[in-house]
Amino acid sequence: MPGKSISYPCNKVGQWYEETLTKSGLSACSFRIPELQLNIPGCYRQIVAYPQNLTYHFIEDPESCMNDSINEQRIDETFKAVSSNVSLSLSFDLDRSCYATVFLQELMKCEH
């Protein structure tokens, strides 16, 4: 959403925003009207966001974790057998306005 405090990207998307505002007779200062005490900062979201500090490990016997068991058993990366007693534990950080459920959905390619 356009506004006074937006830093648009230095690429074709940013150029498109600037051209569209100019065609509409607007600029960044158009979103601040001191007489009305109106200040519209706007917001800009990246189309793609990447998780930070992504870590993972496998846990054998996930029920032991649910019982506050501290001795998680990590599975060696060479473990090839498929077992119903194996869970994947993920930890990651996302920027504001990014949703973990969307990230996990993309990671697993699940349908709604």
PDB file of N, CA and C in Angstrom:
ATOM      1  N   MET A   1       0.847  -1.170   0.000  1.00  0.00           N
ATOM      2  CA  MET A   1       0.000   0.000   0.000  1.00  0.00           C
ATOM      3  C   MET A   1       0.895   1.236   0.000  1.00  0.00           C
ATOM      4  N   PRO A   2       0.693   2.129  -0.921  1.00  0.00           N
ATOM      5  CA  PRO A   2       1.528   3.329  -0.982  1.00  0.00           C
ATOM      6  C   PRO A   2       1.393   4.171   0.286  1.00  0.00           C
ATOM      7  N   GLY A   3       2.408   4.924   0.561  1.00  0.00           N
ATOM      8  CA  GLY A   3       2.400   5.801   1.722  1.00  0.00           C
ATOM      9  C   GLY A   3       3.637   6.665   1.774  1.00  0.00           C
ATOM     10  N   LYS A   4       3.739   7.462   2.839  1.00  0.00           N
ATOM     11  CA  LYS A   4       4.827   8.411   2.993  1.00  0.00           C
ATOM     12  C   LYS A   4       6.157   7.743   3.340  1.00  0.00           C
ATOM     13  N   SER A   5       6.119   6.666   4.104  1.00  0.00           N
ATOM     14  CA  SER A   5       7.346   6.071   4.644  1.00  0.00           C
ATOM     15  C   SER A   5       7.818   4.832   3.894  1.00  0.00           C
ATOM     16  N   ILE A   6       7.336   4.607   2.708  1.00  0.00           N
ATOM     17  CA  ILE A   6       7.679   3.393   1.972  1.00  0.00           C
ATOM     18  C   ILE A   6       8.991   3.562   1.217  1.00  0.00           C
ATOM     19  N   SER A   7       9.830   2.548   1.335  1.00  0.00           N
ATOM     20  CA  SER A   7      11.038   2.461   0.512  1.00  0.00           C
ATOM     21  C   SER A   7      10.791   1.348  -0.494  1.00  0.00           C
ATOM     22  N   TYR A   8      10.523   1.727  -1.707  1.00  0.00           N
ATOM     23  CA  TYR A   8      10.258   0.739  -2.736  1.00  0.00           C
ATOM     24  C   TYR A   8      11.563   0.115  -3.200  1.00  0.00           C
ATOM     25  N   PRO A   9      11.499  -1.112  -3.712  1.00  0.00           N
ATOM     26  CA  PRO A   9      12.720  -1.768  -4.181  1.00  0.00           C
ATOM     27  C   PRO A   9      13.316  -1.047  -5.389  1.00  0.00           C
ATOM     28  N   CYS A  10      14.592  -1.204  -5.566  1.00  0.00           N
ATOM     29  CA  CYS A  10      15.295  -0.583  -6.708  1.00  0.00           C
ATOM     30  C   CYS A  10      15.288  -1.549  -7.891  1.00  0.00           C
ATOM     31  N   ASN A  11      14.102  -1.834  -8.373  1.00  0.00           N
ATOM     32  CA  ASN A  11      13.960  -2.723  -9.525  1.00  0.00           C
ATOM     33  C   ASN A  11      12.706  -2.312 -10.297  1.00  0.00           C
ATOM     34  N   LYS A  12      12.230  -3.171 -11.184  1.00  0.00           N
ATOM     35  CA  LYS A  12      11.074  -2.834 -12.017  1.00  0.00           C
ATOM     36  C   LYS A  12       9.802  -2.650 -11.196  1.00  0.00           C
ATOM     37  N   VAL A  13       9.691  -3.370 -10.093  1.00  0.00           N
ATOM     38  CA  VAL A  13       8.507  -3.222  -9.236  1.00  0.00           C
ATOM     39  C   VAL A  13       8.477  -1.817  -8.636  1.00  0.00           C
ATOM     40  N   GLY A  14       9.603  -1.376  -8.099  1.00  0.00           N
ATOM     41  CA  GLY A  14       9.690  -0.030  -7.546  1.00  0.00           C
ATOM     42  C   GLY A  14       9.440   1.029  -8.605  1.00  0.00           C
ATOM     43  N   GLN A  15       9.982   0.799  -9.774  1.00  0.00           N
ATOM     44  CA  GLN A  15       9.776   1.729 -10.891  1.00  0.00           C
ATOM     45  C   GLN A  15       8.292   1.799 -11.257  1.00  0.00           C
ATOM     46  N   TRP A  16       7.614   0.650 -11.267  1.00  0.00           N
ATOM     47  CA  TRP A  16       6.188   0.620 -11.570  1.00  0.00           C
ATOM     48  C   TRP A  16       5.388   1.431 -10.545  1.00  0.00           C
ATOM     49  N   TYR A  17       5.708   1.259  -9.255  1.00  0.00           N
ATOM     50  CA  TYR A  17       5.024   2.029  -8.212  1.00  0.00           C
ATOM     51  C   TYR A  17       5.203   3.531  -8.440  1.00  0.00           C
ATOM     52  N   GLU A  18       6.443   3.939  -8.683  1.00  0.00           N
ATOM     53  CA  GLU A  18       6.728   5.368  -8.890  1.00  0.00           C
ATOM     54  C   GLU A  18       5.980   5.912 -10.105  1.00  0.00           C
ATOM     55  N   GLU A  19       5.992   5.164 -11.203  1.00  0.00           N
ATOM     56  CA  GLU A  19       5.295   5.600 -12.419  1.00  0.00           C
ATOM     57  C   GLU A  19       3.786   5.685 -12.198  1.00  0.00           C
ATOM     58  N   THR A  20       3.230   4.710 -11.495  1.00  0.00           N
ATOM     59  CA  THR A  20       1.787   4.694 -11.243  1.00  0.00           C
ATOM     60  C   THR A  20       1.378   5.866 -10.365  1.00  0.00           C
ATOM     61  N   LEU A  21       2.160   6.159  -9.335  1.00  0.00           N
ATOM     62  CA  LEU A  21       1.860   7.308  -8.481  1.00  0.00           C
ATOM     63  C   LEU A  21       1.945   8.609  -9.270  1.00  0.00           C
ATOM     64  N   THR A  22       2.983   8.727 -10.092  1.00  0.00           N
ATOM     65  CA  THR A  22       3.170   9.941 -10.888  1.00  0.00           C
ATOM     66  C   THR A  22       2.007  10.134 -11.859  1.00  0.00           C
ATOM     67  N   LYS A  23       1.580   9.046 -12.520  1.00  0.00           N
ATOM     68  CA  LYS A  23       0.442   9.131 -13.442  1.00  0.00           C
ATOM     69  C   LYS A  23      -0.827   9.576 -12.723  1.00  0.00           C
ATOM     70  N   SER A  24      -0.925   9.240 -11.443  1.00  0.00           N
ATOM     71  CA  SER A  24      -2.108   9.617 -10.652  1.00  0.00           C
ATOM     72  C   SER A  24      -1.951  10.978 -10.004  1.00  0.00           C
ATOM     73  N   GLY A  25      -0.807  11.629 -10.268  1.00  0.00           N
ATOM     74  CA  GLY A  25      -0.559  12.947  -9.692  1.00  0.00           C
ATOM     75  C   GLY A  25      -0.183  12.900  -8.220  1.00  0.00           C
ATOM     76  N   LEU A  26       0.391  11.779  -7.785  1.00  0.00           N
ATOM     77  CA  LEU A  26       0.770  11.616  -6.382  1.00  0.00           C
ATOM     78  C   LEU A  26       2.277  11.468  -6.226  1.00  0.00           C
ATOM     79  N   SER A  27       2.742  11.758  -5.022  1.00  0.00           N
ATOM     80  CA  SER A  27       4.133  11.512  -4.649  1.00  0.00           C
ATOM     81  C   SER A  27       4.130  11.106  -3.175  1.00  0.00           C
ATOM     82  N   ALA A  28       5.278  10.822  -2.635  1.00  0.00           N
ATOM     83  CA  ALA A  28       5.361  10.394  -1.234  1.00  0.00           C
ATOM     84  C   ALA A  28       4.791  11.445  -0.285  1.00  0.00           C
ATOM     85  N   CYS A  29       5.008  12.712  -0.580  1.00  0.00           N
ATOM     86  CA  CYS A  29       4.507  13.770   0.305  1.00  0.00           C
ATOM     87  C   CYS A  29       2.986  13.922   0.235  1.00  0.00           C
ATOM     88  N   SER A  30       2.343  13.312  -0.767  1.00  0.00           N
ATOM     89  CA  SER A  30       0.888  13.382  -0.880  1.00  0.00           C
ATOM     90  C   SER A  30       0.184  12.640   0.248  1.00  0.00           C
ATOM     91  N   PHE A  31       0.909  11.774   0.933  1.00  0.00           N
ATOM     92  CA  PHE A  31       0.307  10.946   1.966  1.00  0.00           C
ATOM     93  C   PHE A  31       0.472  11.538   3.367  1.00  0.00           C
ATOM     94  N   ARG A  32       0.891  12.784   3.410  1.00  0.00           N
ATOM     95  CA  ARG A  32       0.995  13.499   4.690  1.00  0.00           C
ATOM     96  C   ARG A  32       0.360  14.870   4.507  1.00  0.00           C
ATOM     97  N   ILE A  33      -0.696  15.118   5.287  1.00  0.00           N
ATOM     98  CA  ILE A  33      -1.413  16.390   5.208  1.00  0.00           C
ATOM     99  C   ILE A  33      -1.450  16.978   6.619  1.00  0.00           C
ATOM    100  N   PRO A  34      -0.480  17.854   6.935  1.00  0.00           N
ATOM    101  CA  PRO A  34      -0.389  18.397   8.296  1.00  0.00           C
ATOM    102  C   PRO A  34      -1.645  19.131   8.753  1.00  0.00           C
ATOM    103  N   GLU A  35      -2.298  19.833   7.831  1.00  0.00           N
ATOM    104  CA  GLU A  35      -3.500  20.592   8.201  1.00  0.00           C
ATOM    105  C   GLU A  35      -4.584  19.694   8.785  1.00  0.00           C
ATOM    106  N   LEU A  36      -4.660  18.478   8.303  1.00  0.00           N
ATOM    107  CA  LEU A  36      -5.665  17.523   8.780  1.00  0.00           C
ATOM    108  C   LEU A  36      -5.086  16.540   9.801  1.00  0.00           C
ATOM    109  N   GLN A  37      -3.820  16.741  10.141  1.00  0.00           N
ATOM    110  CA  GLN A  37      -3.093  15.812  11.014  1.00  0.00           C
ATOM    111  C   GLN A  37      -3.206  14.383  10.475  1.00  0.00           C
ATOM    112  N   LEU A  38      -3.047  14.259   9.180  1.00  0.00           N
ATOM    113  CA  LEU A  38      -3.171  12.985   8.485  1.00  0.00           C
ATOM    114  C   LEU A  38      -1.793  12.543   8.006  1.00  0.00           C
ATOM    115  N   ASN A  39      -1.421  11.356   8.414  1.00  0.00           N
ATOM    116  CA  ASN A  39      -0.139  10.791   8.001  1.00  0.00           C
ATOM    117  C   ASN A  39      -0.372   9.316   7.669  1.00  0.00           C
ATOM    118  N   ILE A  40      -0.235   8.957   6.412  1.00  0.00           N
ATOM    119  CA  ILE A  40      -0.419   7.574   5.983  1.00  0.00           C
ATOM    120  C   ILE A  40       0.959   7.002   5.657  1.00  0.00           C
ATOM    121  N   PRO A  41       1.514   6.199   6.577  1.00  0.00           N
ATOM    122  CA  PRO A  41       2.859   5.678   6.342  1.00  0.00           C
ATOM    123  C   PRO A  41       2.921   4.643   5.228  1.00  0.00           C
ATOM    124  N   GLY A  42       1.828   3.876   5.033  1.00  0.00           N
ATOM    125  CA  GLY A  42       1.824   2.834   4.015  1.00  0.00           C
ATOM    126  C   GLY A  42       2.551   1.593   4.502  1.00  0.00           C
ATOM    127  N   CYS A  43       2.609   0.592   3.658  1.00  0.00           N
ATOM    128  CA  CYS A  43       3.345  -0.630   3.984  1.00  0.00           C
ATOM    129  C   CYS A  43       3.739  -1.314   2.679  1.00  0.00           C
ATOM    130  N   TYR A  44       4.803  -2.036   2.736  1.00  0.00           N
ATOM    131  CA  TYR A  44       5.275  -2.762   1.562  1.00  0.00           C
ATOM    132  C   TYR A  44       5.744  -4.133   2.017  1.00  0.00           C
ATOM    133  N   ARG A  45       5.254  -5.163   1.378  1.00  0.00           N
ATOM    134  CA  ARG A  45       5.663  -6.531   1.704  1.00  0.00           C
ATOM    135  C   ARG A  45       6.405  -7.125   0.519  1.00  0.00           C
ATOM    136  N   GLN A  46       7.469  -7.803   0.834  1.00  0.00           N
ATOM    137  CA  GLN A  46       8.206  -8.523  -0.200  1.00  0.00           C
ATOM    138  C   GLN A  46       7.337  -9.665  -0.708  1.00  0.00           C
ATOM    139  N   ILE A  47       7.456 -10.000  -1.978  1.00  0.00           N
ATOM    140  CA  ILE A  47       6.661 -11.088  -2.527  1.00  0.00           C
ATOM    141  C   ILE A  47       7.207 -12.443  -2.068  1.00  0.00           C
ATOM    142  N   VAL A  48       8.504 -12.501  -1.788  1.00  0.00           N
ATOM    143  CA  VAL A  48       9.131 -13.727  -1.294  1.00  0.00           C
ATOM    144  C   VAL A  48       9.899 -13.384  -0.028  1.00  0.00           C
ATOM    145  N   ALA A  49       9.697 -14.186   0.996  1.00  0.00           N
ATOM    146  CA  ALA A  49      10.431 -14.004   2.250  1.00  0.00           C
ATOM    147  C   ALA A  49      11.117 -15.325   2.587  1.00  0.00           C
ATOM    148  N   TYR A  50      12.275 -15.235   3.148  1.00  0.00           N
ATOM    149  CA  TYR A  50      13.034 -16.425   3.498  1.00  0.00           C
ATOM    150  C   TYR A  50      13.166 -16.541   5.014  1.00  0.00           C
ATOM    151  N   PRO A  51      13.070 -17.769   5.530  1.00  0.00           N
ATOM    152  CA  PRO A  51      13.238 -17.936   6.978  1.00  0.00           C
ATOM    153  C   PRO A  51      14.698 -17.717   7.366  1.00  0.00           C
ATOM    154  N   GLN A  52      14.879 -17.267   8.584  1.00  0.00           N
ATOM    155  CA  GLN A  52      16.230 -17.066   9.126  1.00  0.00           C
ATOM    156  C   GLN A  52      16.444 -18.091  10.242  1.00  0.00           C
ATOM    157  N   ASN A  53      17.690 -18.393  10.527  1.00  0.00           N
ATOM    158  CA  ASN A  53      18.055 -19.286  11.634  1.00  0.00           C
ATOM    159  C   ASN A  53      17.314 -20.619  11.563  1.00  0.00           C
ATOM    160  N   LEU A  54      17.204 -21.167  10.370  1.00  0.00           N
ATOM    161  CA  LEU A  54      16.507 -22.433  10.188  1.00  0.00           C
ATOM    162  C   LEU A  54      17.373 -23.584  10.680  1.00  0.00           C
ATOM    163  N   THR A  55      16.849 -24.351  11.615  1.00  0.00           N
ATOM    164  CA  THR A  55      17.532 -25.556  12.098  1.00  0.00           C
ATOM    165  C   THR A  55      16.505 -26.683  12.141  1.00  0.00           C
ATOM    166  N   TYR A  56      16.996 -27.890  12.055  1.00  0.00           N
ATOM    167  CA  TYR A  56      16.101 -29.037  12.138  1.00  0.00           C
ATOM    168  C   TYR A  56      16.841 -30.203  12.753  1.00  0.00           C
ATOM    169  N   HIS A  57      16.102 -31.112  13.316  1.00  0.00           N
ATOM    170  CA  HIS A  57      16.651 -32.385  13.749  1.00  0.00           C
ATOM    171  C   HIS A  57      15.529 -33.410  13.829  1.00  0.00           C
ATOM    172  N   PHE A  58      15.921 -34.658  13.707  1.00  0.00           N
ATOM    173  CA  PHE A  58      14.971 -35.751  13.782  1.00  0.00           C
ATOM    174  C   PHE A  58      14.903 -36.243  15.216  1.00  0.00           C
ATOM    175  N   ILE A  59      13.718 -36.610  15.635  1.00  0.00           N
ATOM    176  CA  ILE A  59      13.516 -37.098  16.988  1.00  0.00           C
ATOM    177  C   ILE A  59      12.874 -38.476  16.896  1.00  0.00           C
ATOM    178  N   GLU A  60      13.499 -39.422  17.556  1.00  0.00           N
ATOM    179  CA  GLU A  60      12.942 -40.767  17.611  1.00  0.00           C
ATOM    180  C   GLU A  60      12.017 -40.839  18.816  1.00  0.00           C
ATOM    181  N   ASP A  61      10.883 -41.479  18.663  1.00  0.00           N
ATOM    182  CA  ASP A  61       9.877 -41.612  19.723  1.00  0.00           C
ATOM    183  C   ASP A  61       9.384 -40.247  20.174  1.00  0.00           C
ATOM    184  N   PRO A  62       8.586 -39.577  19.333  1.00  0.00           N
ATOM    185  CA  PRO A  62       8.128 -38.219  19.642  1.00  0.00           C
ATOM    186  C   PRO A  62       7.301 -38.127  20.915  1.00  0.00           C
ATOM    187  N   GLU A  63       6.683 -39.230  21.352  1.00  0.00           N
ATOM    188  CA  GLU A  63       5.889 -39.173  22.574  1.00  0.00           C
ATOM    189  C   GLU A  63       6.746 -38.877  23.789  1.00  0.00           C
ATOM    190  N   SER A  64       8.025 -39.259  23.738  1.00  0.00           N
ATOM    191  CA  SER A  64       8.903 -38.949  24.874  1.00  0.00           C
ATOM    192  C   SER A  64       9.099 -37.444  25.005  1.00  0.00           C
ATOM    193  N   CYS A  65       9.031 -36.708  23.879  1.00  0.00           N
ATOM    194  CA  CYS A  65       9.152 -35.248  23.925  1.00  0.00           C
ATOM    195  C   CYS A  65       7.892 -34.627  24.509  1.00  0.00           C
ATOM    196  N   MET A  66       6.756 -35.222  24.226  1.00  0.00           N
ATOM    197  CA  MET A  66       5.510 -34.684  24.744  1.00  0.00           C
ATOM    198  C   MET A  66       5.417 -34.842  26.248  1.00  0.00           C
ATOM    199  N   ASN A  67       6.158 -35.784  26.792  1.00  0.00           N
ATOM    200  CA  ASN A  67       6.160 -35.998  28.234  1.00  0.00           C
ATOM    201  C   ASN A  67       7.281 -35.224  28.906  1.00  0.00           C
ATOM    202  N   ASP A  68       7.730 -34.139  28.278  1.00  0.00           N
ATOM    203  CA  ASP A  68       8.803 -33.295  28.801  1.00  0.00           C
ATOM    204  C   ASP A  68      10.094 -34.063  29.029  1.00  0.00           C
ATOM    205  N   SER A  69      10.318 -35.071  28.249  1.00  0.00           N
ATOM    206  CA  SER A  69      11.564 -35.822  28.352  1.00  0.00           C
ATOM    207  C   SER A  69      12.683 -35.013  27.718  1.00  0.00           C
ATOM    208  N   ILE A  70      13.754 -34.833  28.435  1.00  0.00           N
ATOM    209  CA  ILE A  70      14.860 -34.017  27.942  1.00  0.00           C
ATOM    210  C   ILE A  70      15.784 -34.813  27.034  1.00  0.00           C
ATOM    211  N   ASN A  71      15.822 -36.106  27.174  1.00  0.00           N
ATOM    212  CA  ASN A  71      16.784 -36.892  26.392  1.00  0.00           C
ATOM    213  C   ASN A  71      16.212 -37.262  25.027  1.00  0.00           C
ATOM    214  N   GLU A  72      16.153 -36.236  24.130  1.00  0.00           N
ATOM    215  CA  GLU A  72      15.728 -36.475  22.756  1.00  0.00           C
ATOM    216  C   GLU A  72      16.765 -37.364  22.079  1.00  0.00           C
ATOM    217  N   GLN A  73      16.281 -38.312  21.344  1.00  0.00           N
ATOM    218  CA  GLN A  73      17.196 -39.198  20.636  1.00  0.00           C
ATOM    219  C   GLN A  73      17.273 -38.744  19.186  1.00  0.00           C
ATOM    220  N   ARG A  74      18.429 -38.254  18.797  1.00  0.00           N
ATOM    221  CA  ARG A  74      18.597 -37.796  17.420  1.00  0.00           C
ATOM    222  C   ARG A  74      18.930 -38.978  16.528  1.00  0.00           C
ATOM    223  N   ILE A  75      18.389 -38.938  15.365  1.00  0.00           N
ATOM    224  CA  ILE A  75      18.621 -40.015  14.414  1.00  0.00           C
ATOM    225  C   ILE A  75      19.779 -39.637  13.519  1.00  0.00           C
ATOM    226  N   ASP A  76      20.654 -40.563  13.328  1.00  0.00           N
ATOM    227  CA  ASP A  76      21.804 -40.340  12.460  1.00  0.00           C
ATOM    228  C   ASP A  76      21.300 -40.006  11.061  1.00  0.00           C
ATOM    229  N   GLU A  77      21.967 -39.087  10.366  1.00  0.00           N
ATOM    230  CA  GLU A  77      21.528 -38.675   9.034  1.00  0.00           C
ATOM    231  C   GLU A  77      21.561 -39.823   8.032  1.00  0.00           C
ATOM    232  N   THR A  78      22.265 -40.877   8.355  1.00  0.00           N
ATOM    233  CA  THR A  78      22.301 -42.020   7.447  1.00  0.00           C
ATOM    234  C   THR A  78      21.143 -42.978   7.707  1.00  0.00           C
ATOM    235  N   PHE A  79      20.271 -42.636   8.663  1.00  0.00           N
ATOM    236  CA  PHE A  79      19.123 -43.471   8.986  1.00  0.00           C
ATOM    237  C   PHE A  79      18.201 -43.517   7.778  1.00  0.00           C
ATOM    238  N   LYS A  80      17.951 -44.694   7.249  1.00  0.00           N
ATOM    239  CA  LYS A  80      17.177 -44.813   6.019  1.00  0.00           C
ATOM    240  C   LYS A  80      15.790 -45.409   6.237  1.00  0.00           C
ATOM    241  N   ALA A  81      15.547 -46.082   7.335  1.00  0.00           N
ATOM    242  CA  ALA A  81      14.266 -46.762   7.558  1.00  0.00           C
ATOM    243  C   ALA A  81      13.155 -45.752   7.802  1.00  0.00           C
ATOM    244  N   VAL A  82      11.987 -46.054   7.325  1.00  0.00           N
ATOM    245  CA  VAL A  82      10.824 -45.219   7.566  1.00  0.00           C
ATOM    246  C   VAL A  82      10.124 -45.786   8.792  1.00  0.00           C
ATOM    247  N   SER A  83       9.900 -44.934   9.772  1.00  0.00           N
ATOM    248  CA  SER A  83       9.311 -45.385  11.017  1.00  0.00           C
ATOM    249  C   SER A  83       8.237 -44.404  11.457  1.00  0.00           C
ATOM    250  N   SER A  84       7.179 -44.914  12.058  1.00  0.00           N
ATOM    251  CA  SER A  84       6.138 -44.026  12.567  1.00  0.00           C
ATOM    252  C   SER A  84       6.565 -43.365  13.868  1.00  0.00           C
ATOM    253  N   ASN A  85       7.695 -43.751  14.414  1.00  0.00           N
ATOM    254  CA  ASN A  85       8.191 -43.173  15.658  1.00  0.00           C
ATOM    255  C   ASN A  85       9.239 -42.092  15.426  1.00  0.00           C
ATOM    256  N   VAL A  86       9.244 -41.518  14.223  1.00  0.00           N
ATOM    257  CA  VAL A  86      10.226 -40.495  13.895  1.00  0.00           C
ATOM    258  C   VAL A  86       9.492 -39.182  13.615  1.00  0.00           C
ATOM    259  N   SER A  87       9.974 -38.110  14.233  1.00  0.00           N
ATOM    260  CA  SER A  87       9.404 -36.788  13.994  1.00  0.00           C
ATOM    261  C   SER A  87      10.505 -35.844  13.551  1.00  0.00           C
ATOM    262  N   LEU A  88      10.096 -34.798  12.883  1.00  0.00           N
ATOM    263  CA  LEU A  88      11.014 -33.749  12.464  1.00  0.00           C
ATOM    264  C   LEU A  88      10.718 -32.509  13.290  1.00  0.00           C
ATOM    265  N   SER A  89      11.738 -31.971  13.918  1.00  0.00           N
ATOM    266  CA  SER A  89      11.594 -30.749  14.706  1.00  0.00           C
ATOM    267  C   SER A  89      12.256 -29.611  13.939  1.00  0.00           C
ATOM    268  N   LEU A  90      11.487 -28.541  13.681  1.00  0.00           N
ATOM    269  CA  LEU A  90      11.989 -27.373  12.961  1.00  0.00           C
ATOM    270  C   LEU A  90      11.997 -26.167  13.881  1.00  0.00           C
ATOM    271  N   SER A  91      12.982 -25.329  13.685  1.00  0.00           N
ATOM    272  CA  SER A  91      13.028 -24.046  14.383  1.00  0.00           C
ATOM    273  C   SER A  91      13.471 -23.002  13.365  1.00  0.00           C
ATOM    274  N   PHE A  92      12.765 -21.856  13.332  1.00  0.00           N
ATOM    275  CA  PHE A  92      13.111 -20.813  12.367  1.00  0.00           C
ATOM    276  C   PHE A  92      12.504 -19.492  12.815  1.00  0.00           C
ATOM    277  N   ASP A  93      13.024 -18.419  12.260  1.00  0.00           N
ATOM    278  CA  ASP A  93      12.504 -17.081  12.502  1.00  0.00           C
ATOM    279  C   ASP A  93      11.991 -16.526  11.180  1.00  0.00           C
ATOM    280  N   LEU A  94      10.889 -15.792  11.255  1.00  0.00           N
ATOM    281  CA  LEU A  94      10.332 -15.122  10.081  1.00  0.00           C
ATOM    282  C   LEU A  94      10.185 -13.641  10.376  1.00  0.00           C
ATOM    283  N   ASP A  95      10.236 -12.833   9.336  1.00  0.00           N
ATOM    284  CA  ASP A  95      10.022 -11.395   9.487  1.00  0.00           C
ATOM    285  C   ASP A  95       8.574 -11.126   9.886  1.00  0.00           C
ATOM    286  N   ARG A  96       8.321  -9.893  10.320  1.00  0.00           N
ATOM    287  CA  ARG A  96       6.956  -9.488  10.646  1.00  0.00           C
ATOM    288  C   ARG A  96       6.040  -9.699   9.448  1.00  0.00           C
ATOM    289  N   SER A  97       4.816 -10.026   9.718  1.00  0.00           N
ATOM    290  CA  SER A  97       3.782 -10.248   8.696  1.00  0.00           C
ATOM    291  C   SER A  97       4.039 -11.465   7.826  1.00  0.00           C
ATOM    292  N   CYS A  98       4.925 -12.328   8.246  1.00  0.00           N
ATOM    293  CA  CYS A  98       5.140 -13.601   7.569  1.00  0.00           C
ATOM    294  C   CYS A  98       4.598 -14.685   8.498  1.00  0.00           C
ATOM    295  N   TYR A  99       3.960 -15.662   7.933  1.00  0.00           N
ATOM    296  CA  TYR A  99       3.252 -16.641   8.739  1.00  0.00           C
ATOM    297  C   TYR A  99       3.896 -18.019   8.645  1.00  0.00           C
ATOM    298  N   ALA A 100       4.116 -18.618   9.804  1.00  0.00           N
ATOM    299  CA  ALA A 100       4.748 -19.933   9.872  1.00  0.00           C
ATOM    300  C   ALA A 100       3.910 -20.984   9.159  1.00  0.00           C
ATOM    301  N   THR A 101       2.592 -20.877   9.251  1.00  0.00           N
ATOM    302  CA  THR A 101       1.748 -21.872   8.591  1.00  0.00           C
ATOM    303  C   THR A 101       1.930 -21.834   7.077  1.00  0.00           C
ATOM    304  N   VAL A 102       2.112 -20.659   6.520  1.00  0.00           N
ATOM    305  CA  VAL A 102       2.331 -20.536   5.069  1.00  0.00           C
ATOM    306  C   VAL A 102       3.690 -21.124   4.711  1.00  0.00           C
ATOM    307  N   PHE A 103       4.704 -20.840   5.532  1.00  0.00           N
ATOM    308  CA  PHE A 103       6.037 -21.398   5.282  1.00  0.00           C
ATOM    309  C   PHE A 103       5.989 -22.928   5.323  1.00  0.00           C
ATOM    310  N   LEU A 104       5.353 -23.484   6.344  1.00  0.00           N
ATOM    311  CA  LEU A 104       5.270 -24.940   6.466  1.00  0.00           C
ATOM    312  C   LEU A 104       4.463 -25.543   5.321  1.00  0.00           C
ATOM    313  N   GLN A 105       3.414 -24.874   4.916  1.00  0.00           N
ATOM    314  CA  GLN A 105       2.612 -25.347   3.790  1.00  0.00           C
ATOM    315  C   GLN A 105       3.459 -25.395   2.520  1.00  0.00           C
ATOM    316  N   GLU A 106       4.238 -24.377   2.284  1.00  0.00           N
ATOM    317  CA  GLU A 106       5.122 -24.366   1.104  1.00  0.00           C
ATOM    318  C   GLU A 106       6.207 -25.425   1.233  1.00  0.00           C
ATOM    319  N   LEU A 107       6.704 -25.605   2.420  1.00  0.00           N
ATOM    320  CA  LEU A 107       7.760 -26.597   2.655  1.00  0.00           C
ATOM    321  C   LEU A 107       7.240 -28.002   2.368  1.00  0.00           C
ATOM    322  N   MET A 108       6.015 -28.274   2.782  1.00  0.00           N
ATOM    323  CA  MET A 108       5.443 -29.604   2.618  1.00  0.00           C
ATOM    324  C   MET A 108       4.624 -29.729   1.333  1.00  0.00           C
ATOM    325  N   LYS A 109       4.354 -28.579   0.682  1.00  0.00           N
ATOM    326  CA  LYS A 109       3.519 -28.541  -0.523  1.00  0.00           C
ATOM    327  C   LYS A 109       2.167 -29.175  -0.258  1.00  0.00           C
ATOM    328  N   CYS A 110       1.552 -28.792   0.851  1.00  0.00           N
ATOM    329  CA  CYS A 110       0.218 -29.280   1.222  1.00  0.00           C
ATOM    330  C   CYS A 110      -0.845 -28.453   0.540  1.00  0.00           C
ATOM    331  N   GLU A 111      -1.955 -29.069   0.279  1.00  0.00           N
ATOM    332  CA  GLU A 111      -3.114 -28.373  -0.256  1.00  0.00           C
ATOM    333  C   GLU A 111      -4.007 -28.011   0.915  1.00  0.00           C
ATOM    334  N   HIS A 112      -4.863 -27.008   0.736  1.00  0.00           N
ATOM    335  CA  HIS A 112      -5.773 -26.589   1.814  1.00  0.00           C
ATOM    336  C   HIS A 112      -6.699 -27.701   2.187  1.00  0.00           C
TER     337      HIS A 112
END
